[in-house]
């Protein structure tokens, strides 16, 4: 994988993501493994200076949405697992915000699924689909900032009830900055210390 250029990644990763919708398990397995290894390589390569993750995400979200529309928890779990890995790439969080709403509309129909799945994109981690979904939403909120949080809250009304409470420690800014930061953090659902 070491000799691939950014253009190679931009071509190959979406190609593998398209394979997520394959009905045959062996074909889907190859798509998930291939996409997972390539995305992990992009993440390892970046070291903060490349925007490849940000350029990839808008190409991958429609393909992920198509996989979610199949309403198969295993396929959707693999898609979200790969998307979680992609979101960890440098700059991907801010690229998520403009295209997050259509993805969440597709997720809405599956948010109450409790079926156990094996997420191949995450080292065959066994989990419930619902737990993976909440992990994905939490990462979207963290990487996409207040805009992503607002979109999530508007698309998934029970998000505030379901998400884990987060605590933020605000370290001795000036009085005005402290009030502003506390206000923003509380709106985002954090407990501020």
Protein backbone atom coordinates (compact mmCIF):
# COMPACT_ATOMS: atom_id res chain seq x y z
CA UNK A 1 0.00 0.00 0.00
CA UNK A 2 3.02 2.29 0.54
CA UNK A 3 3.34 3.51 -3.06
CA UNK A 4 -0.24 4.72 -3.53
CA UNK A 5 -0.81 8.40 -4.28
CA UNK A 6 -3.68 10.51 -2.95
CA UNK A 7 -5.45 10.08 -6.31
CA UNK A 8 -5.18 6.29 -5.98
CA UNK A 9 -6.86 6.47 -2.57
CA UNK A 10 -9.54 8.81 -3.94
CA UNK A 11 -10.34 6.20 -6.62
CA UNK A 12 -9.97 2.94 -4.69
CA UNK A 13 -11.63 3.67 -1.35
CA UNK A 14 -15.02 4.69 -2.87
CA UNK A 15 -14.79 1.63 -5.11
CA UNK A 16 -14.46 -0.62 -2.06
CA UNK A 17 -17.25 1.29 -0.28
CA UNK A 18 -19.57 0.45 -3.18
CA UNK A 19 -18.96 -3.22 -2.37
CA UNK A 20 -20.62 -2.77 1.04
CA UNK A 21 -24.00 -3.34 -0.60
CA UNK A 22 -23.02 -6.75 -1.97
CA UNK A 23 -25.54 -9.40 -0.91
CA UNK A 24 -22.91 -12.19 -0.83
CA UNK A 25 -20.96 -12.24 2.42
CA UNK A 26 -17.64 -13.18 0.80
CA UNK A 27 -17.79 -10.20 -1.59
CA UNK A 28 -18.82 -7.81 1.18
CA UNK A 29 -16.02 -9.17 3.38
CA UNK A 30 -13.43 -8.25 0.72
CA UNK A 31 -14.96 -4.80 0.29
CA UNK A 32 -14.91 -4.11 4.03
CA UNK A 33 -11.35 -5.40 4.50
CA UNK A 34 -10.05 -3.53 1.46
CA UNK A 35 -11.69 -0.25 2.41
CA UNK A 36 -10.65 -0.65 6.05
CA UNK A 37 -6.99 -1.23 5.22
CA UNK A 38 -6.87 1.67 2.77
CA UNK A 39 -8.58 4.08 5.18
CA UNK A 40 -6.23 2.98 7.98
CA UNK A 41 -3.30 3.69 5.64
CA UNK A 42 -4.68 7.18 4.90
CA UNK A 43 -5.04 7.83 8.64
CA UNK A 44 -1.50 6.61 9.37
CA UNK A 45 0.00 8.62 6.51
CA UNK A 46 -1.55 11.95 7.26
CA UNK A 47 0.24 13.16 10.38
CA UNK A 48 -1.79 16.38 10.23
CA UNK A 49 -0.68 17.93 6.95
CA UNK A 50 -2.88 16.25 4.31
CA UNK A 51 -6.55 16.95 3.73
CA UNK A 52 -7.20 13.58 2.09
CA UNK A 53 -9.69 12.56 4.81
CA UNK A 54 -11.66 15.76 4.21
CA UNK A 55 -11.67 15.16 0.45
CA UNK A 56 -12.69 11.50 0.82
CA UNK A 57 -15.63 11.96 3.16
CA UNK A 58 -18.04 13.69 0.71
CA UNK A 59 -17.42 10.81 -1.74
CA UNK A 60 -18.06 8.14 0.89
CA UNK A 61 -21.17 9.50 2.58
CA UNK A 62 -23.58 8.89 -0.35
CA UNK A 63 -22.25 5.33 -0.65
CA UNK A 64 -22.68 4.82 3.10
CA UNK A 65 -26.20 6.22 2.88
CA UNK A 66 -27.03 3.72 0.13
CA UNK A 67 -25.75 0.88 2.33
CA UNK A 68 -27.86 2.15 5.25
CA UNK A 69 -30.97 2.30 3.05
CA UNK A 70 -30.81 -1.50 2.70
CA UNK A 71 -31.94 -1.72 6.37
CA UNK A 72 -29.61 -4.68 7.00
CA UNK A 73 -27.94 -4.18 10.40
CA UNK A 74 -24.78 -6.11 9.43
CA UNK A 75 -24.24 -4.08 6.26
CA UNK A 76 -25.10 -0.84 8.09
CA UNK A 77 -22.74 -1.76 10.94
CA UNK A 78 -19.86 -2.37 8.54
CA UNK A 79 -20.60 0.93 6.78
CA UNK A 80 -20.66 2.88 10.05
CA UNK A 81 -17.50 1.12 11.26
CA UNK A 82 -15.66 2.24 8.13
CA UNK A 83 -17.08 5.73 8.43
CA UNK A 84 -15.87 5.93 12.04
CA UNK A 85 -12.35 5.04 10.87
CA UNK A 86 -12.59 7.66 8.10
CA UNK A 87 -13.78 10.35 10.53
CA UNK A 88 -10.58 9.88 12.52
CA UNK A 89 -8.56 11.17 9.53
CA UNK A 90 -7.30 14.75 9.71
CA UNK A 91 -9.91 17.33 8.64
CA UNK A 92 -12.69 14.82 8.00
CA UNK A 93 -14.94 16.13 10.79
CA UNK A 94 -15.51 19.54 9.24
CA UNK A 95 -16.14 17.99 5.82
CA UNK A 96 -18.88 15.93 7.46
CA UNK A 97 -21.11 18.86 8.44
CA UNK A 98 -22.52 19.80 4.98
CA UNK A 99 -23.50 16.19 4.16
CA UNK A 100 -24.49 14.89 7.60
CA UNK A 101 -28.26 15.48 7.45
CA UNK A 102 -29.04 13.05 4.54
CA UNK A 103 -26.96 10.38 6.26
CA UNK A 104 -28.85 10.82 9.53
CA UNK A 105 -32.19 10.57 7.72
CA UNK A 106 -31.11 7.10 6.53
CA UNK A 107 -29.96 6.19 10.05
CA UNK A 108 -33.26 7.25 11.68
CA UNK A 109 -35.05 4.10 10.56
CA UNK A 110 -32.46 1.88 12.20
CA UNK A 111 -31.72 3.66 15.46
CA UNK A 112 -33.77 1.25 17.56
CA UNK A 113 -32.19 -1.97 16.25
CA UNK A 114 -30.64 -4.04 19.04
CA UNK A 115 -29.31 -6.91 16.92
CA UNK A 116 -25.78 -8.08 17.77
CA UNK A 117 -23.39 -7.66 14.87
CA UNK A 118 -19.75 -8.29 14.17
CA UNK A 119 -18.11 -5.11 12.88
CA UNK A 120 -15.46 -6.31 10.43
CA UNK A 121 -14.10 -2.79 9.97
CA UNK A 122 -13.25 -2.65 13.68
CA UNK A 123 -11.23 -5.86 14.14
CA UNK A 124 -14.38 -8.03 14.25
CA UNK A 125 -15.69 -6.25 17.34
CA UNK A 126 -18.97 -7.75 18.48
CA UNK A 127 -21.52 -5.15 19.54
CA UNK A 128 -25.14 -4.13 19.16
CA UNK A 129 -25.94 -1.99 16.15
CA UNK A 130 -27.50 0.66 18.36
CA UNK A 131 -24.30 0.98 20.42
CA UNK A 132 -22.22 1.39 17.25
CA UNK A 133 -24.64 4.06 16.03
CA UNK A 134 -24.31 6.06 19.26
CA UNK A 135 -20.50 5.75 19.01
CA UNK A 136 -20.72 7.13 15.46
CA UNK A 137 -22.96 10.02 16.51
CA UNK A 138 -20.63 10.88 19.40
CA UNK A 139 -17.65 10.96 17.05
CA UNK A 140 -19.60 13.12 14.58
CA UNK A 141 -20.35 15.54 17.39
CA UNK A 142 -16.73 15.60 18.56
CA UNK A 143 -15.17 15.98 15.10
CA UNK A 144 -17.86 18.17 13.52
CA UNK A 145 -18.28 20.59 16.40
CA UNK A 146 -21.36 22.58 17.34
CA UNK A 147 -22.78 22.56 13.80
CA UNK A 148 -22.73 18.75 13.68
CA UNK A 149 -24.26 18.61 17.16
CA UNK A 150 -27.12 20.88 16.06
CA UNK A 151 -27.80 18.73 12.99
CA UNK A 152 -27.75 15.51 15.05
CA UNK A 153 -30.08 17.00 17.64
CA UNK A 154 -32.55 18.13 14.96
CA UNK A 155 -32.55 14.78 13.11
CA UNK A 156 -32.53 12.46 16.13
CA UNK A 157 -34.77 13.99 18.80
CA UNK A 158 -33.88 11.51 21.55
CA UNK A 159 -30.12 12.02 21.06
CA UNK A 160 -29.77 14.12 24.22
CA UNK A 161 -31.42 11.41 26.34
CA UNK A 162 -29.39 8.57 24.85
CA UNK A 163 -25.90 10.02 24.68
CA UNK A 164 -23.41 9.62 27.46
CA UNK A 165 -22.92 12.71 29.58
CA UNK A 166 -19.62 14.38 28.90
CA UNK A 167 -17.70 16.55 31.31
CA UNK A 168 -15.45 19.41 30.32
CA UNK A 169 -12.86 20.97 32.61
CA UNK A 170 -12.48 24.67 31.83
CA UNK A 171 -9.07 25.83 32.97
CA UNK A 172 -8.80 29.41 34.21
CA UNK A 173 -9.59 31.58 31.18
CA UNK A 174 -10.54 35.20 31.66
CA UNK A 175 -13.97 35.93 33.14
CA UNK A 176 -15.64 36.84 29.82
CA UNK A 177 -14.13 33.85 27.98
CA UNK A 178 -15.17 31.57 30.84
CA UNK A 179 -18.82 32.65 30.62
CA UNK A 180 -18.87 32.30 26.82
CA UNK A 181 -17.12 28.90 26.83
CA UNK A 182 -19.37 27.62 29.62
CA UNK A 183 -22.46 28.71 27.69
CA UNK A 184 -21.32 26.99 24.46
CA UNK A 185 -20.31 23.78 26.27
CA UNK A 186 -23.60 23.58 28.17
CA UNK A 187 -25.60 24.07 24.96
CA UNK A 188 -23.67 21.13 23.53
CA UNK A 189 -24.69 19.02 26.53
CA UNK A 190 -21.46 19.02 28.55
CA UNK A 191 -21.26 19.34 32.30
CA UNK A 192 -18.75 22.13 32.93
CA UNK A 193 -16.43 22.04 35.91
